[in-house]
Amino acid sequence: MQMRLTRKLIFALLISSGLVSVAPVSADSATGLSSPEQANYLHELKRLYSTQDERKALLAHVNKLLETYALRAGYQVGQAERSDLLYSVALGAQGEFLLREETRGENRSDIAVRNQRIEVFGVDPYIRYDCPTSGISCSLNNPVTGGTMLTIVRDNNGAAELAKALSFLVRNLQKG
């Protein structure tokens, strides 16, 4: 948020000094998922994951981010029952993705698996997240119910990147 505010202040300064002209802004560019940004983002993901398929690149990126920002037992210092909380995303039927949640106890012998089927047709594609300053985790919200869809380690940048990648995946799945 601080970075966004800084950009707005710099832009306002450039406008007031006459160095930048103001053009009409579409609603899409204000939300952060504009067409040029989307095209560049998807191009970079396809290059990064060596594929020409946007959906495969998005899926690989989401799963890599879920692995990177997993809430591990090692981060849960001082809690009575520490456990690893791991997620992965797979494609389901048309217009849905499957979210797999795996909870592993600290001694690695206790494993619980929960699967969610998330349908994306008719929902807002923008995934929202919350990273409270008092906790050790961030939560990303389910686009259908608005409740917590998944929990990752508290990292604002990681949560923002994961929310962005999931938002692009939802938009891609909504295309059919």
Protein backbone atom coordinates (compact mmCIF):
# COMPACT_ATOMS: atom_id res chain seq x y z
CA MET A 1 0.00 0.00 0.00
CA GLN A 2 2.85 2.36 0.81
CA MET A 3 4.36 1.72 -2.62
CA ARG A 4 1.02 2.49 -4.32
CA LEU A 5 0.73 5.73 -2.35
CA THR A 6 4.28 6.69 -3.31
CA ARG A 7 3.51 6.05 -6.99
CA LYS A 8 0.38 8.19 -6.77
CA LEU A 9 2.30 11.03 -5.13
CA ILE A 10 5.04 10.89 -7.76
CA PHE A 11 2.45 10.81 -10.53
CA ALA A 12 0.61 13.78 -9.01
CA LEU A 13 3.89 15.70 -8.85
CA LEU A 14 4.67 14.91 -12.50
CA ILE A 15 1.18 16.00 -13.57
CA SER A 16 1.42 19.27 -11.65
CA SER A 17 4.82 20.03 -13.18
CA GLY A 18 3.49 19.32 -16.70
CA LEU A 19 5.90 16.45 -17.38
CA VAL A 20 3.09 13.94 -17.84
CA SER A 21 -0.19 14.44 -19.66
CA VAL A 22 -3.35 12.94 -18.27
CA ALA A 23 -5.20 10.46 -20.48
CA PRO A 24 -8.52 8.81 -19.73
CA VAL A 25 -8.06 5.87 -17.38
CA SER A 26 -10.17 2.73 -17.69
CA ALA A 27 -11.64 0.97 -14.68
CA ASP A 28 -9.46 -2.05 -15.41
CA SER A 29 -6.17 -0.16 -15.07
CA ALA A 30 -7.17 1.18 -11.67
CA THR A 31 -7.67 -2.34 -10.35
CA GLY A 32 -4.22 -3.57 -11.33
CA LEU A 33 -5.29 -6.18 -13.88
CA SER A 34 -5.21 -4.08 -17.06
CA SER A 35 -4.67 -5.59 -20.48
CA PRO A 36 -1.05 -4.43 -21.00
CA GLU A 37 -0.11 -5.57 -17.50
CA GLN A 38 -1.91 -8.86 -18.01
CA ALA A 39 -0.23 -9.51 -21.36
CA ASN A 40 3.23 -8.75 -19.93
CA TYR A 41 2.60 -10.78 -16.77
CA LEU A 42 1.39 -13.81 -18.72
CA HIS A 43 4.24 -13.50 -21.22
CA GLU A 44 6.80 -13.53 -18.40
CA LEU A 45 5.14 -16.53 -16.71
CA LYS A 46 5.07 -18.50 -19.96
CA ARG A 47 8.76 -17.73 -20.46
CA LEU A 48 9.59 -18.61 -16.83
CA TYR A 49 7.80 -21.97 -16.95
CA SER A 50 8.74 -22.77 -20.57
CA THR A 51 5.23 -23.21 -21.90
CA GLN A 52 2.98 -21.52 -24.44
CA ASP A 53 -0.15 -22.31 -22.43
CA GLU A 54 -1.21 -19.45 -20.15
CA ARG A 55 -3.25 -21.71 -17.91
CA LYS A 56 -0.35 -24.12 -17.33
CA ALA A 57 2.00 -21.22 -16.58
CA LEU A 58 -0.46 -19.69 -14.12
CA LEU A 59 -1.09 -23.03 -12.44
CA ALA A 60 2.65 -23.71 -12.10
CA HIS A 61 3.24 -20.23 -10.71
CA VAL A 62 0.41 -20.46 -8.17
CA ASN A 63 1.67 -23.84 -6.96
CA LYS A 64 5.25 -22.55 -6.70
CA LEU A 65 4.04 -19.57 -4.64
CA LEU A 66 1.96 -21.87 -2.42
CA GLU A 67 5.07 -23.98 -1.80
CA THR A 68 7.26 -20.94 -1.15
CA TYR A 69 4.89 -19.23 1.29
CA ALA A 70 3.55 -22.33 3.06
CA LEU A 71 2.88 -21.88 6.75
CA ARG A 72 5.35 -24.33 8.28
CA ALA A 73 5.52 -25.55 11.87
CA GLY A 74 8.87 -23.79 12.25
CA TYR A 75 7.15 -20.39 11.94
CA GLN A 76 4.65 -21.19 14.68
CA VAL A 77 6.89 -20.56 17.68
CA GLY A 78 5.04 -20.56 20.99
CA GLN A 79 1.92 -22.33 19.72
CA ALA A 80 0.81 -25.51 21.45
CA GLU A 81 0.02 -27.56 18.34
CA ARG A 82 2.33 -26.64 15.51
CA SER A 83 1.74 -28.09 12.07
CA ASP A 84 2.67 -27.59 8.43
CA LEU A 85 -0.14 -26.18 6.31
CA LEU A 86 0.45 -26.99 2.64
CA TYR A 87 -1.69 -26.20 -0.39
CA SER A 88 -1.79 -27.06 -4.06
CA VAL A 89 -4.11 -26.10 -6.90
CA ALA A 90 -5.23 -28.29 -9.80
CA LEU A 91 -7.72 -27.83 -12.59
CA GLY A 92 -11.13 -29.40 -12.18
CA ALA A 93 -14.05 -29.39 -14.57
CA GLN A 94 -14.55 -26.40 -16.84
CA GLY A 95 -14.80 -23.21 -14.80
CA GLU A 96 -13.43 -24.59 -11.55
CA PHE A 97 -10.21 -25.31 -9.76
CA LEU A 98 -9.45 -27.73 -6.98
CA LEU A 99 -7.67 -26.58 -3.84
CA ARG A 100 -5.95 -29.28 -1.80
CA GLU A 101 -5.08 -28.47 1.81
CA GLU A 102 -2.72 -30.78 3.68
CA THR A 103 -2.07 -30.40 7.38
CA ARG A 104 0.90 -32.30 8.80
CA GLY A 105 1.49 -32.57 12.52
CA GLU A 106 4.84 -31.60 13.97
CA ASN A 107 5.94 -35.23 14.19
CA ARG A 108 4.90 -35.75 10.53
CA SER A 109 2.77 -38.80 11.33
CA ASP A 110 -0.52 -36.91 11.63
CA ILE A 111 -1.75 -35.94 8.16
CA ALA A 112 -5.15 -34.50 7.30
CA VAL A 113 -6.22 -33.66 3.75
CA ARG A 114 -9.11 -31.46 2.73
CA ASN A 115 -10.19 -30.71 -0.83
CA GLN A 116 -12.26 -27.76 -2.01
CA ARG A 117 -13.90 -27.37 -5.39
CA ILE A 118 -14.07 -23.66 -6.26
CA GLU A 119 -16.31 -22.68 -9.16
CA VAL A 120 -15.32 -19.41 -10.79
CA PHE A 121 -18.14 -18.62 -13.20
CA GLY A 122 -20.06 -15.55 -12.10
CA VAL A 123 -17.68 -14.53 -9.30
CA ASP A 124 -15.46 -11.49 -8.86
CA PRO A 125 -12.05 -12.65 -10.19
CA TYR A 126 -10.08 -10.46 -7.78
CA ILE A 127 -8.75 -12.48 -4.88
CA ARG A 128 -8.55 -10.47 -1.70
CA TYR A 129 -6.14 -11.12 1.14
CA ASP A 130 -5.49 -10.00 4.69
CA CYS A 131 -2.18 -9.94 6.57
CA PRO A 132 -2.87 -8.80 10.14
CA THR A 133 0.15 -7.28 11.86
CA SER A 134 -0.53 -9.18 15.06
CA GLY A 135 -0.45 -12.66 13.54
CA ILE A 136 1.95 -15.05 11.85
CA SER A 137 -0.18 -15.68 8.78
CA CYS A 138 -1.99 -14.10 5.86
CA SER A 139 -5.29 -15.38 4.58
CA LEU A 140 -6.58 -15.28 1.02
CA ASN A 141 -10.32 -15.13 0.59
CA ASN A 142 -12.53 -17.49 -1.37
CA PRO A 143 -14.00 -15.56 -4.33
CA VAL A 144 -17.32 -17.39 -3.95
CA THR A 145 -18.00 -17.19 -0.20
CA GLY A 146 -15.66 -14.40 0.89
CA GLY A 147 -14.39 -16.59 3.74
CA THR A 148 -10.84 -17.81 4.17
CA MET A 149 -9.77 -20.00 1.26
CA LEU A 150 -6.16 -20.59 2.33
CA THR A 151 -3.59 -19.47 4.88
CA ILE A 152 0.07 -18.74 4.20
CA VAL A 153 2.99 -17.40 6.24
CA ARG A 154 2.74 -13.67 6.98
CA ASP A 155 4.43 -11.99 4.03
CA ASN A 156 2.62 -9.05 2.45
CA ASN A 157 4.53 -9.26 -0.83
CA GLY A 158 4.01 -13.01 -1.06
CA ALA A 159 0.30 -12.68 -0.34
CA ALA A 160 -0.02 -9.91 -2.94
CA GLU A 161 1.78 -11.97 -5.59
CA LEU A 162 -0.27 -15.08 -4.80
CA ALA A 163 -3.52 -13.09 -4.90
CA LYS A 164 -2.50 -11.61 -8.26
CA ALA A 165 -1.60 -15.00 -9.74
CA LEU A 166 -4.83 -16.56 -8.45
CA SER A 167 -6.82 -13.62 -9.83
CA PHE A 168 -5.30 -14.12 -13.26
CA LEU A 169 -5.99 -17.86 -13.01
CA VAL A 170 -9.64 -17.21 -12.12
CA ARG A 171 -9.97 -14.80 -15.06
CA ASN A 172 -8.39 -17.36 -17.35
CA LEU A 173 -10.76 -20.10 -16.15
CA GLN A 174 -13.75 -17.78 -16.60
CA LYS A 175 -12.92 -17.56 -20.32
CA GLY A 176 -13.82 -21.23 -20.58
